[in-house]
Amino acid sequence: MPREYPHLLSVDVPVWEAFLTTHAPDFTIIDYDVRVGEGRDPGEDFEQNIRGMALDLSKRRIDAVGHLPGEIWIMEITTAADMRAIGQLITYPGLYRMTYRPAFPLIPVLICAKLDQDLQKVLAETPIRVYQVNPYTA
């Protein structure tokens, strides 16, 4: 029976599971669908309980956060990496830091099956680690 990963698109699950076949033992804990940031307040026209739900539901969500000895990986998982994924990995570490105040360095990690050459060149100039996996050989 396949595992379920909150808010991970079904097409991305094979990519994640291919990554896990070789990297799962490295992690002490993996958290999924990690909410970060403050969320967006709908305003004072709404009851406090509705405002609270809106704030919680509108927080950004990190696909997976992996805890390793001495560092924390902020992971974006996608079949075909695009500029949106890169933007998320630039933004998420700051939001995670503000939300949780971790004691260890945060490492942005892109896990994908496809990555075009332009993005490969750009990513080589960033602190984002890239793991390109083939979900059909795992």
C-alpha atoms as a PDB file:
ATOM      1  CA  MET A   1       0.000   0.000   0.000  1.00  0.00           C
ATOM      2  CA  PRO A   2       1.577   3.356  -1.004  1.00  0.00           C
ATOM      3  CA  ARG A   3       2.269   5.924   1.682  1.00  0.00           C
ATOM      4  CA  GLU A   4       0.419   9.185   1.621  1.00  0.00           C
ATOM      5  CA  TYR A   5       2.222  12.491   1.815  1.00  0.00           C
ATOM      6  CA  PRO A   6       0.063  15.520   2.711  1.00  0.00           C
ATOM      7  CA  HIS A   7      -0.334  18.007  -0.133  1.00  0.00           C
ATOM      8  CA  LEU A   8       2.234  16.262  -2.340  1.00  0.00           C
ATOM      9  CA  LEU A   9       0.810  15.909  -5.830  1.00  0.00           C
ATOM     10  CA  SER A  10       0.270  12.295  -6.862  1.00  0.00           C
ATOM     11  CA  VAL A  11       2.579  12.751  -9.885  1.00  0.00           C
ATOM     12  CA  ASP A  12       5.361  13.847  -7.521  1.00  0.00           C
ATOM     13  CA  VAL A  13       5.062  10.880  -5.136  1.00  0.00           C
ATOM     14  CA  PRO A  14       7.193   8.535  -7.322  1.00  0.00           C
ATOM     15  CA  VAL A  15       9.920  11.211  -7.421  1.00  0.00           C
ATOM     16  CA  TRP A  16       9.893  11.475  -3.629  1.00  0.00           C
ATOM     17  CA  GLU A  17       9.880   7.722  -3.135  1.00  0.00           C
ATOM     18  CA  ALA A  18      12.787   7.315  -5.585  1.00  0.00           C
ATOM     19  CA  PHE A  19      14.749   9.863  -3.526  1.00  0.00           C
ATOM     20  CA  LEU A  20      13.841   8.057  -0.295  1.00  0.00           C
ATOM     21  CA  THR A  21      15.154   4.711  -1.567  1.00  0.00           C
ATOM     22  CA  THR A  22      18.687   6.015  -1.118  1.00  0.00           C
ATOM     23  CA  HIS A  23      18.339   8.912   1.332  1.00  0.00           C
ATOM     24  CA  ALA A  24      15.691   7.935   3.911  1.00  0.00           C
ATOM     25  CA  PRO A  25      18.238   6.412   6.333  1.00  0.00           C
ATOM     26  CA  ASP A  26      20.073   9.755   6.493  1.00  0.00           C
ATOM     27  CA  PHE A  27      17.170  11.490   8.240  1.00  0.00           C
ATOM     28  CA  THR A  28      16.290  11.272  11.911  1.00  0.00           C
ATOM     29  CA  ILE A  29      12.840  12.788  11.217  1.00  0.00           C
ATOM     30  CA  ILE A  30      10.949  13.912   8.139  1.00  0.00           C
ATOM     31  CA  ASP A  31       8.048  16.324   8.608  1.00  0.00           C
ATOM     32  CA  TYR A  32       5.521  16.819   5.811  1.00  0.00           C
ATOM     33  CA  ASP A  33       3.372  19.781   4.786  1.00  0.00           C
ATOM     34  CA  VAL A  34       5.186  22.113   7.188  1.00  0.00           C
ATOM     35  CA  ARG A  35       3.391  25.437   7.568  1.00  0.00           C
ATOM     36  CA  VAL A  36       5.543  28.552   7.715  1.00  0.00           C
ATOM     37  CA  GLY A  37       4.997  32.279   7.836  1.00  0.00           C
ATOM     38  CA  GLU A  38       2.172  34.245   9.358  1.00  0.00           C
ATOM     39  CA  GLY A  39      -0.572  33.649   6.800  1.00  0.00           C
ATOM     40  CA  ARG A  40      -2.958  36.274   5.443  1.00  0.00           C
ATOM     41  CA  ASP A  41      -5.465  37.911   7.770  1.00  0.00           C
ATOM     42  CA  PRO A  42      -8.884  38.467   6.126  1.00  0.00           C
ATOM     43  CA  GLY A  43      -9.431  41.492   8.356  1.00  0.00           C
ATOM     44  CA  GLU A  44     -11.393  42.696  11.336  1.00  0.00           C
ATOM     45  CA  ASP A  45     -14.743  42.232   9.576  1.00  0.00           C
ATOM     46  CA  PHE A  46     -14.486  38.523  10.401  1.00  0.00           C
ATOM     47  CA  GLU A  47     -14.938  36.711  13.718  1.00  0.00           C
ATOM     48  CA  GLN A  48     -11.703  35.815  15.523  1.00  0.00           C
ATOM     49  CA  ASN A  49     -12.161  32.073  14.967  1.00  0.00           C
ATOM     50  CA  ILE A  50     -12.606  32.629  11.198  1.00  0.00           C
ATOM     51  CA  ARG A  51      -9.568  34.910  11.139  1.00  0.00           C
ATOM     52  CA  GLY A  52      -7.542  32.248  12.961  1.00  0.00           C
ATOM     53  CA  MET A  53      -8.561  29.562  10.479  1.00  0.00           C
ATOM     54  CA  ALA A  54      -7.811  31.868   7.537  1.00  0.00           C
ATOM     55  CA  LEU A  55      -4.362  32.648   8.935  1.00  0.00           C
ATOM     56  CA  ASP A  56      -3.590  28.975   9.459  1.00  0.00           C
ATOM     57  CA  LEU A  57      -4.884  27.845   6.062  1.00  0.00           C
ATOM     58  CA  SER A  58      -3.050  30.585   4.167  1.00  0.00           C
ATOM     59  CA  LYS A  59       0.401  29.824   5.537  1.00  0.00           C
ATOM     60  CA  ARG A  60       2.968  28.613   3.030  1.00  0.00           C
ATOM     61  CA  ARG A  61       3.570  24.856   3.090  1.00  0.00           C
ATOM     62  CA  ILE A  62       6.900  23.157   2.651  1.00  0.00           C
ATOM     63  CA  ASP A  63       6.634  19.718   1.015  1.00  0.00           C
ATOM     64  CA  ALA A  64       9.083  18.065   3.416  1.00  0.00           C
ATOM     65  CA  VAL A  65      11.548  19.073   6.111  1.00  0.00           C
ATOM     66  CA  GLY A  66      14.266  16.542   6.811  1.00  0.00           C
ATOM     67  CA  HIS A  67      16.239  16.605  10.042  1.00  0.00           C
ATOM     68  CA  LEU A  68      19.793  15.314   9.882  1.00  0.00           C
ATOM     69  CA  PRO A  69      22.517  15.527  12.498  1.00  0.00           C
ATOM     70  CA  GLY A  70      23.565  19.188  12.470  1.00  0.00           C
ATOM     71  CA  GLU A  71      21.357  20.468   9.633  1.00  0.00           C
ATOM     72  CA  ILE A  72      17.785  20.752   8.420  1.00  0.00           C
ATOM     73  CA  TRP A  73      16.798  20.233   4.794  1.00  0.00           C
ATOM     74  CA  ILE A  74      13.951  22.307   3.374  1.00  0.00           C
ATOM     75  CA  MET A  75      12.761  20.161   0.456  1.00  0.00           C
ATOM     76  CA  GLU A  76      10.669  20.994  -2.588  1.00  0.00           C
ATOM     77  CA  ILE A  77       9.579  17.888  -4.505  1.00  0.00           C
ATOM     78  CA  THR A  78       8.403  18.060  -8.097  1.00  0.00           C
ATOM     79  CA  THR A  79       8.379  16.017 -11.268  1.00  0.00           C
ATOM     80  CA  ALA A  80       9.467  18.911 -13.503  1.00  0.00           C
ATOM     81  CA  ALA A  81      11.346  21.681 -11.720  1.00  0.00           C
ATOM     82  CA  ASP A  82      10.489  25.216 -12.742  1.00  0.00           C
ATOM     83  CA  MET A  83      11.143  28.778 -11.612  1.00  0.00           C
ATOM     84  CA  ARG A  84       8.346  28.520  -9.053  1.00  0.00           C
ATOM     85  CA  ALA A  85      10.163  25.687  -7.261  1.00  0.00           C
ATOM     86  CA  ILE A  86      13.347  27.752  -7.178  1.00  0.00           C
ATOM     87  CA  GLY A  87      11.456  30.743  -5.803  1.00  0.00           C
ATOM     88  CA  GLN A  88       9.962  28.579  -3.084  1.00  0.00           C
ATOM     89  CA  LEU A  89      13.397  27.290  -2.095  1.00  0.00           C
ATOM     90  CA  ILE A  90      14.719  30.838  -1.877  1.00  0.00           C
ATOM     91  CA  THR A  91      11.765  31.894   0.298  1.00  0.00           C
ATOM     92  CA  TYR A  92      11.078  28.870   2.517  1.00  0.00           C
ATOM     93  CA  PRO A  93      14.304  28.852   4.568  1.00  0.00           C
ATOM     94  CA  GLY A  94      13.680  32.438   5.716  1.00  0.00           C
ATOM     95  CA  LEU A  95      10.069  31.693   6.595  1.00  0.00           C
ATOM     96  CA  TYR A  96      11.078  28.493   8.395  1.00  0.00           C
ATOM     97  CA  ARG A  97      13.729  30.399  10.357  1.00  0.00           C
ATOM     98  CA  MET A  98      11.220  33.083  11.396  1.00  0.00           C
ATOM     99  CA  THR A  99       8.561  30.527  12.327  1.00  0.00           C
ATOM    100  CA  TYR A 100      10.615  27.904  14.186  1.00  0.00           C
ATOM    101  CA  ARG A 101      13.976  29.520  15.071  1.00  0.00           C
ATOM    102  CA  PRO A 102      15.982  26.353  14.375  1.00  0.00           C
ATOM    103  CA  ALA A 103      19.339  25.716  16.009  1.00  0.00           C
ATOM    104  CA  PHE A 104      20.855  24.164  12.881  1.00  0.00           C
ATOM    105  CA  PRO A 105      21.663  25.483   9.395  1.00  0.00           C
ATOM    106  CA  LEU A 106      18.871  25.267   6.826  1.00  0.00           C
ATOM    107  CA  ILE A 107      19.697  23.660   3.498  1.00  0.00           C
ATOM    108  CA  PRO A 108      17.308  24.270   0.556  1.00  0.00           C
ATOM    109  CA  VAL A 109      16.943  21.078  -1.513  1.00  0.00           C
ATOM    110  CA  LEU A 110      15.253  20.552  -4.863  1.00  0.00           C
ATOM    111  CA  ILE A 111      14.205  16.977  -5.613  1.00  0.00           C
ATOM    112  CA  CYS A 112      12.996  16.472  -9.171  1.00  0.00           C
ATOM    113  CA  ALA A 113      12.880  14.140 -12.145  1.00  0.00           C
ATOM    114  CA  LYS A 114      13.317  16.792 -14.846  1.00  0.00           C
ATOM    115  CA  LEU A 115      15.359  19.979 -14.867  1.00  0.00           C
ATOM    116  CA  ASP A 116      16.087  21.989 -18.001  1.00  0.00           C
ATOM    117  CA  GLN A 117      19.578  23.277 -18.818  1.00  0.00           C
ATOM    118  CA  ASP A 118      18.805  26.949 -18.144  1.00  0.00           C
ATOM    119  CA  LEU A 119      17.658  26.170 -14.621  1.00  0.00           C
ATOM    120  CA  GLN A 120      20.623  23.858 -14.032  1.00  0.00           C
ATOM    121  CA  LYS A 121      22.974  26.737 -14.818  1.00  0.00           C
ATOM    122  CA  VAL A 122      21.133  29.143 -12.539  1.00  0.00           C
ATOM    123  CA  LEU A 123      20.930  26.631  -9.687  1.00  0.00           C
ATOM    124  CA  ALA A 124      24.693  26.092  -9.876  1.00  0.00           C
ATOM    125  CA  GLU A 125      25.037  29.698  -8.647  1.00  0.00           C
ATOM    126  CA  THR A 126      22.716  29.262  -5.634  1.00  0.00           C
ATOM    127  CA  PRO A 127      22.973  27.416  -2.312  1.00  0.00           C
ATOM    128  CA  ILE A 128      20.143  25.096  -3.444  1.00  0.00           C
ATOM    129  CA  ARG A 129      21.158  21.432  -3.550  1.00  0.00           C
ATOM    130  CA  VAL A 130      19.662  19.493  -6.427  1.00  0.00           C
ATOM    131  CA  TYR A 131      18.808  15.796  -6.504  1.00  0.00           C
ATOM    132  CA  GLN A 132      17.588  14.686  -9.883  1.00  0.00           C
ATOM    133  CA  VAL A 133      16.087  11.198  -9.677  1.00  0.00           C
ATOM    134  CA  ASN A 134      14.500   8.785 -12.084  1.00  0.00           C
ATOM    135  CA  PRO A 135      11.327   7.510 -10.412  1.00  0.00           C
ATOM    136  CA  TYR A 136      11.061   4.642 -12.874  1.00  0.00           C
ATOM    137  CA  THR A 137      14.281   2.933 -11.804  1.00  0.00           C
ATOM    138  CA  ALA A 138      13.699   3.080  -8.059  1.00  0.00           C
END
